[in-house]
């Protein structure tokens, strides 16, 4: 045990000096207070950070001995899942019946109605097979450019209708009407091929006409002036120039002097005998 000893310094102040007592020898006998020794030891300090929040609701998956994830789950005893799932017990909202919903306003003249026949999703096989034949090239040669242009886009519109009906038929798994729709589509495709053939012929004819026009005096392909000049106009201009030349030649004859034939020098040619009768 330590003892306090008072001492006086040279300045007259009194101080206390702590003096350690000599250590006592440890007793080997069993003390009755050994059971209280743990309480006399200092307590362990907290090493983790202090927090008032709850633990995270994180699933901790532990491996079972037989690797069976459904161990302990019984459908007969209704034990439920081993882990709490993050699903609330609130009732799910129920959709309103169609009778209580307000009617949907649809424009009867909307452009998308052109993808359907008479505003119907599908036609019957009898209606799909009720069509004519394809246009021939001989018939389309008599048509104008505007008529061919309109007929082409009518065929495009018809093919869009057929494709829309085929998609709806496949989605609903109806199982009939595909043969009639394919025949109708083939007729439309033949018409479109005939239109292409007719336009190709006209393009080739135009190329040949350009080659002929390059050597035609009536047509001017340079881009300067009039592109077409009729031949009659060119002949009139040519006749006027010819008349001017004839008039100039006549005036030159009037100015010429009369010459006596006897005064001309004889040529080196001898006169030939007249033919005998």
Protein backbone atom coordinates (compact mmCIF):
# COMPACT_ATOMS: atom_id res chain seq x y z
CA UNK A 1 0.00 0.00 0.00
CA UNK A 2 1.19 3.53 -0.66
CA UNK A 3 1.47 6.14 2.12
CA UNK A 4 1.37 9.94 1.94
CA UNK A 5 4.30 11.78 3.60
CA UNK A 6 4.33 15.51 4.15
CA UNK A 7 7.57 17.39 3.44
CA UNK A 8 8.48 21.04 3.74
CA UNK A 9 10.47 22.73 1.00
CA UNK A 10 13.04 25.48 1.32
CA UNK A 11 10.45 28.08 0.39
CA UNK A 12 8.29 27.08 3.30
CA UNK A 13 5.67 25.18 1.29
CA UNK A 14 4.29 21.84 2.37
CA UNK A 15 3.96 19.09 -0.24
CA UNK A 16 2.79 15.50 -0.03
CA UNK A 17 5.01 12.72 -1.30
CA UNK A 18 3.58 9.34 -2.22
CA UNK A 19 5.69 6.52 -0.86
CA UNK A 20 5.16 2.97 -2.06
CA UNK A 21 4.94 0.25 0.54
CA UNK A 22 6.88 -2.96 0.14
CA UNK A 23 5.10 -5.74 -1.79
CA UNK A 24 3.53 -8.50 0.24
CA UNK A 25 4.26 -12.10 -0.52
CA UNK A 26 1.43 -13.88 -2.40
CA UNK A 27 -0.49 -16.38 -0.39
CA UNK A 28 -0.70 -19.89 -1.75
CA UNK A 29 -3.79 -20.69 0.24
CA UNK A 30 -7.22 -20.63 -1.48
CA UNK A 31 -8.96 -17.33 -0.86
CA UNK A 32 -12.77 -17.29 -0.51
CA UNK A 33 -12.91 -14.12 -2.69
CA UNK A 34 -11.56 -15.76 -5.87
CA UNK A 35 -15.10 -16.00 -7.23
CA UNK A 36 -15.24 -12.21 -7.28
CA UNK A 37 -12.07 -11.83 -9.31
CA UNK A 38 -13.81 -11.45 -12.73
CA UNK A 39 -15.84 -8.54 -11.43
CA UNK A 40 -12.70 -6.79 -10.29
CA UNK A 41 -11.19 -6.89 -13.81
CA UNK A 42 -11.78 -3.91 -16.15
CA UNK A 43 -14.66 -4.24 -18.59
CA UNK A 44 -14.12 -4.71 -22.36
CA UNK A 45 -14.50 -1.58 -24.45
CA UNK A 46 -16.95 -1.51 -27.39
CA UNK A 47 -15.08 -1.87 -30.65
CA UNK A 48 -17.95 -1.44 -33.17
CA UNK A 49 -19.40 1.94 -34.02
CA UNK A 50 -22.46 2.93 -32.07
CA UNK A 51 -25.60 3.07 -34.21
CA UNK A 52 -29.31 3.27 -33.47
CA UNK A 53 -30.46 1.98 -36.90
CA UNK A 54 -31.86 -1.49 -37.35
CA UNK A 55 -29.98 -4.27 -39.04
CA UNK A 56 -30.31 -4.54 -42.78
CA UNK A 57 -33.00 -6.97 -43.87
CA UNK A 58 -30.59 -8.93 -45.99
CA UNK A 59 -31.11 -12.54 -46.79
CA UNK A 60 -28.39 -14.76 -45.46
CA UNK A 61 -28.23 -17.96 -47.38
CA UNK A 62 -26.62 -20.83 -45.53
CA UNK A 63 -25.73 -24.05 -47.20
CA UNK A 64 -27.51 -27.10 -45.94
CA UNK A 65 -25.81 -30.39 -45.62
CA UNK A 66 -27.60 -31.91 -48.58
CA UNK A 67 -27.70 -28.63 -50.60
CA UNK A 68 -31.49 -28.66 -50.54
CA UNK A 69 -32.81 -25.11 -50.60
CA UNK A 70 -36.30 -26.29 -49.68
CA UNK A 71 -35.27 -28.10 -46.50
CA UNK A 72 -37.85 -27.34 -43.82
CA UNK A 73 -40.49 -26.09 -46.25
CA UNK A 74 -43.63 -28.22 -46.21
CA UNK A 75 -46.76 -27.73 -48.28
CA UNK A 76 -48.68 -30.19 -46.12
CA UNK A 77 -47.92 -28.52 -42.79
CA UNK A 78 -48.03 -25.03 -44.34
CA UNK A 79 -44.76 -24.11 -42.79
CA UNK A 80 -44.20 -21.40 -45.37
CA UNK A 81 -40.88 -20.27 -46.76
CA UNK A 82 -37.78 -20.37 -44.64
CA UNK A 83 -37.09 -16.68 -45.24
CA UNK A 84 -39.30 -13.68 -45.00
CA UNK A 85 -40.05 -12.30 -48.43
CA UNK A 86 -40.31 -8.60 -49.19
CA UNK A 87 -43.98 -8.76 -50.13
CA UNK A 88 -46.55 -6.64 -48.40
CA UNK A 89 -49.96 -7.89 -47.34
CA UNK A 90 -51.80 -5.09 -49.11
CA UNK A 91 -54.52 -6.01 -51.55
CA UNK A 92 -53.65 -5.59 -55.18
CA UNK A 93 -55.74 -3.13 -57.19
CA UNK A 94 -58.38 -4.75 -59.35
CA UNK A 95 -58.98 -3.51 -62.88
CA UNK A 96 -62.25 -1.89 -63.70
CA UNK A 97 -64.65 -3.90 -65.85
CA UNK A 98 -64.99 -2.89 -69.47
CA UNK A 99 -68.63 -1.93 -68.96
CA UNK A 100 -67.63 0.86 -66.55
CA UNK A 101 -64.95 2.33 -68.80
CA UNK A 102 -65.84 5.33 -70.97
CA UNK A 103 -66.20 4.61 -74.69
CA UNK A 104 -63.12 5.26 -76.81
CA UNK A 105 -63.65 7.86 -79.51
CA UNK A 106 -62.35 6.68 -82.89
CA UNK A 107 -62.11 8.82 -86.01
CA UNK A 108 -64.08 7.03 -88.76
CA UNK A 109 -61.96 8.75 -91.42
CA UNK A 110 -58.58 7.89 -89.90
CA UNK A 111 -55.90 6.95 -92.40
CA UNK A 112 -55.03 3.69 -90.64
CA UNK A 113 -58.41 2.26 -91.60
CA UNK A 114 -56.99 1.78 -95.10
CA UNK A 115 -54.97 -1.17 -93.77
CA UNK A 116 -58.22 -3.13 -93.26
CA UNK A 117 -61.04 -4.29 -95.55
CA UNK A 118 -64.26 -2.43 -94.67
CA UNK A 119 -62.87 -1.73 -91.16
CA UNK A 120 -62.75 -5.45 -90.39
CA UNK A 121 -59.77 -7.31 -89.01
CA UNK A 122 -60.09 -10.29 -91.38
CA UNK A 123 -62.03 -11.33 -94.43
CA UNK A 124 -63.57 -14.69 -95.09
CA UNK A 125 -61.78 -17.02 -97.54
CA UNK A 126 -64.61 -16.46 -100.05
CA UNK A 127 -64.03 -12.70 -99.93
CA UNK A 128 -60.27 -13.11 -100.34
CA UNK A 129 -60.71 -15.31 -103.40
CA UNK A 130 -63.17 -12.87 -105.04
CA UNK A 131 -60.71 -10.97 -107.24
CA UNK A 132 -59.94 -10.55 -110.93
CA UNK A 133 -56.87 -11.34 -112.99
CA UNK A 134 -53.65 -9.39 -113.17
CA UNK A 135 -53.05 -6.56 -115.67
CA UNK A 136 -51.09 -7.53 -118.78
CA UNK A 137 -48.25 -5.59 -120.37
CA UNK A 138 -50.27 -5.03 -123.58
CA UNK A 139 -53.03 -3.32 -121.59
CA UNK A 140 -50.63 -1.16 -119.59
CA UNK A 141 -48.83 0.11 -122.70
CA UNK A 142 -51.92 2.19 -123.53
CA UNK A 143 -51.99 3.83 -120.10
CA UNK A 144 -50.48 7.21 -119.32
CA UNK A 145 -47.81 7.90 -116.75
CA UNK A 146 -50.38 9.17 -114.22
CA UNK A 147 -52.52 6.04 -114.61
CA UNK A 148 -49.52 3.76 -114.07
CA UNK A 149 -48.51 5.79 -111.00
CA UNK A 150 -51.99 5.50 -109.46
CA UNK A 151 -52.24 1.78 -110.24
CA UNK A 152 -48.84 1.13 -108.63
CA UNK A 153 -49.87 2.69 -105.32
CA UNK A 154 -53.21 0.88 -105.38
CA UNK A 155 -51.23 -2.38 -105.58
CA UNK A 156 -49.00 -1.26 -102.68
CA UNK A 157 -52.09 -0.49 -100.58
CA UNK A 158 -53.58 -3.90 -101.41
CA UNK A 159 -50.41 -5.72 -100.40
CA UNK A 160 -50.38 -3.83 -97.07
CA UNK A 161 -53.92 -5.02 -96.40
CA UNK A 162 -53.00 -8.61 -97.21
CA UNK A 163 -49.93 -8.45 -94.95
CA UNK A 164 -51.97 -6.98 -92.07
CA UNK A 165 -54.58 -9.73 -92.36
CA UNK A 166 -51.89 -12.43 -92.53
CA UNK A 167 -50.25 -11.10 -89.36
CA UNK A 168 -53.58 -11.04 -87.50
CA UNK A 169 -54.39 -14.55 -88.75
CA UNK A 170 -51.04 -15.89 -87.55
CA UNK A 171 -51.28 -14.15 -84.18
CA UNK A 172 -54.78 -15.46 -83.49
CA UNK A 173 -53.85 -18.93 -84.80
CA UNK A 174 -56.99 -19.13 -86.92
CA UNK A 175 -55.62 -21.82 -89.23
CA UNK A 176 -57.49 -21.02 -92.47
CA UNK A 177 -57.47 -18.38 -95.19
CA UNK A 178 -53.72 -18.43 -95.87
CA UNK A 179 -54.07 -20.08 -99.30
CA UNK A 180 -56.64 -17.56 -100.56
CA UNK A 181 -54.58 -14.64 -99.24
CA UNK A 182 -51.40 -15.92 -100.93
CA UNK A 183 -53.22 -16.28 -104.28
CA UNK A 184 -54.56 -12.74 -103.99
CA UNK A 185 -51.08 -11.44 -103.19
CA UNK A 186 -49.61 -13.28 -106.21
CA UNK A 187 -52.09 -11.57 -108.57
CA UNK A 188 -51.14 -8.16 -107.19
CA UNK A 189 -47.44 -8.92 -107.58
CA UNK A 190 -47.95 -9.92 -111.24
CA UNK A 191 -49.60 -6.55 -111.89
CA UNK A 192 -46.67 -4.74 -110.29
CA UNK A 193 -44.21 -6.72 -112.41
CA UNK A 194 -46.17 -5.78 -115.54
CA UNK A 195 -46.01 -2.09 -114.55
CA UNK A 196 -42.23 -2.34 -114.15
CA UNK A 197 -41.97 -4.06 -117.55
CA UNK A 198 -43.99 -1.29 -119.22
CA UNK A 199 -41.93 1.48 -117.65
CA UNK A 200 -38.70 -0.29 -118.67
CA UNK A 201 -39.87 -0.42 -122.28
CA UNK A 202 -40.67 3.28 -122.20
CA UNK A 203 -37.27 4.06 -120.73
CA UNK A 204 -35.49 2.12 -123.49
CA UNK A 205 -37.61 3.90 -126.11
CA UNK A 206 -36.67 7.25 -124.59
CA UNK A 207 -32.95 6.38 -124.76
CA UNK A 208 -33.29 5.45 -128.45
CA UNK A 209 -35.18 8.69 -129.13
CA UNK A 210 -32.37 10.71 -127.56
CA UNK A 211 -29.80 9.06 -129.84
CA UNK A 212 -31.95 9.80 -132.90
CA UNK A 213 -32.55 13.41 -131.81
CA UNK A 214 -28.83 14.08 -131.71
CA UNK A 215 -28.70 13.76 -135.51
CA UNK A 216 -32.05 15.47 -136.21
CA UNK A 217 -31.73 19.11 -137.44
CA UNK A 218 -35.16 19.98 -136.08
CA UNK A 219 -34.23 19.18 -132.44
CA UNK A 220 -31.80 21.21 -130.36
CA UNK A 221 -30.44 19.31 -127.31
CA UNK A 222 -27.90 21.94 -126.29
CA UNK A 223 -30.33 23.66 -123.93
CA UNK A 224 -29.92 27.09 -125.57
CA UNK A 225 -32.82 28.46 -127.54
CA UNK A 226 -35.83 26.60 -128.87
CA UNK A 227 -35.64 22.82 -128.44
CA UNK A 228 -37.75 22.02 -131.54
CA UNK A 229 -37.82 23.87 -134.84
CA UNK A 230 -40.17 22.50 -137.56
CA UNK A 231 -38.65 21.53 -140.91
CA UNK A 232 -41.09 23.78 -142.88
CA UNK A 233 -39.64 26.82 -141.17
CA UNK A 234 -36.14 25.74 -142.15
CA UNK A 235 -37.23 25.20 -145.79
CA UNK A 236 -38.73 28.70 -145.94
CA UNK A 237 -35.49 30.21 -144.72
CA UNK A 238 -33.54 28.13 -147.23
CA UNK A 239 -35.79 29.20 -150.17
CA UNK A 240 -35.41 32.87 -149.29
CA UNK A 241 -31.64 32.53 -149.27
CA UNK A 242 -31.78 30.74 -152.65
CA UNK A 243 -33.92 33.50 -154.17
CA UNK A 244 -31.42 36.10 -152.98
CA UNK A 245 -28.58 34.21 -154.62
CA UNK A 246 -30.52 33.95 -157.91
CA UNK A 247 -31.28 37.67 -157.84
CA UNK A 248 -27.64 38.50 -157.27
CA UNK A 249 -26.64 36.25 -160.19
CA UNK A 250 -29.15 37.96 -162.52
CA UNK A 251 -27.85 41.43 -161.71
CA UNK A 252 -24.30 40.25 -162.44
CA UNK A 253 -25.32 39.11 -165.94
CA UNK A 254 -26.76 42.52 -166.76
CA UNK A 255 -23.49 44.21 -165.91
CA UNK A 256 -21.47 41.87 -168.12
CA UNK A 257 -20.28 43.29 -171.60
CA UNK A 258 -21.23 41.68 -174.88
CA UNK A 259 -18.30 39.85 -176.50
CA UNK A 260 -17.91 38.99 -180.21
CA UNK A 261 -17.22 35.33 -180.75
CA UNK A 262 -14.86 36.00 -183.66
CA UNK A 263 -12.50 37.90 -181.44
CA UNK A 264 -11.97 34.98 -179.10
CA UNK A 265 -8.76 33.02 -179.43
CA UNK A 266 -9.10 29.66 -181.09
CA UNK A 267 -8.76 26.73 -178.85
CA UNK A 268 -6.47 23.80 -179.54
CA UNK A 269 -9.36 21.43 -180.08
CA UNK A 270 -10.44 20.50 -183.59
CA UNK A 271 -14.04 20.55 -184.57
CA UNK A 272 -15.54 17.12 -184.59
CA UNK A 273 -17.54 15.86 -187.54
CA UNK A 274 -21.21 15.91 -187.10
CA UNK A 275 -22.75 12.52 -186.71
CA UNK A 276 -24.17 11.01 -189.81
CA UNK A 277 -27.77 10.28 -190.08
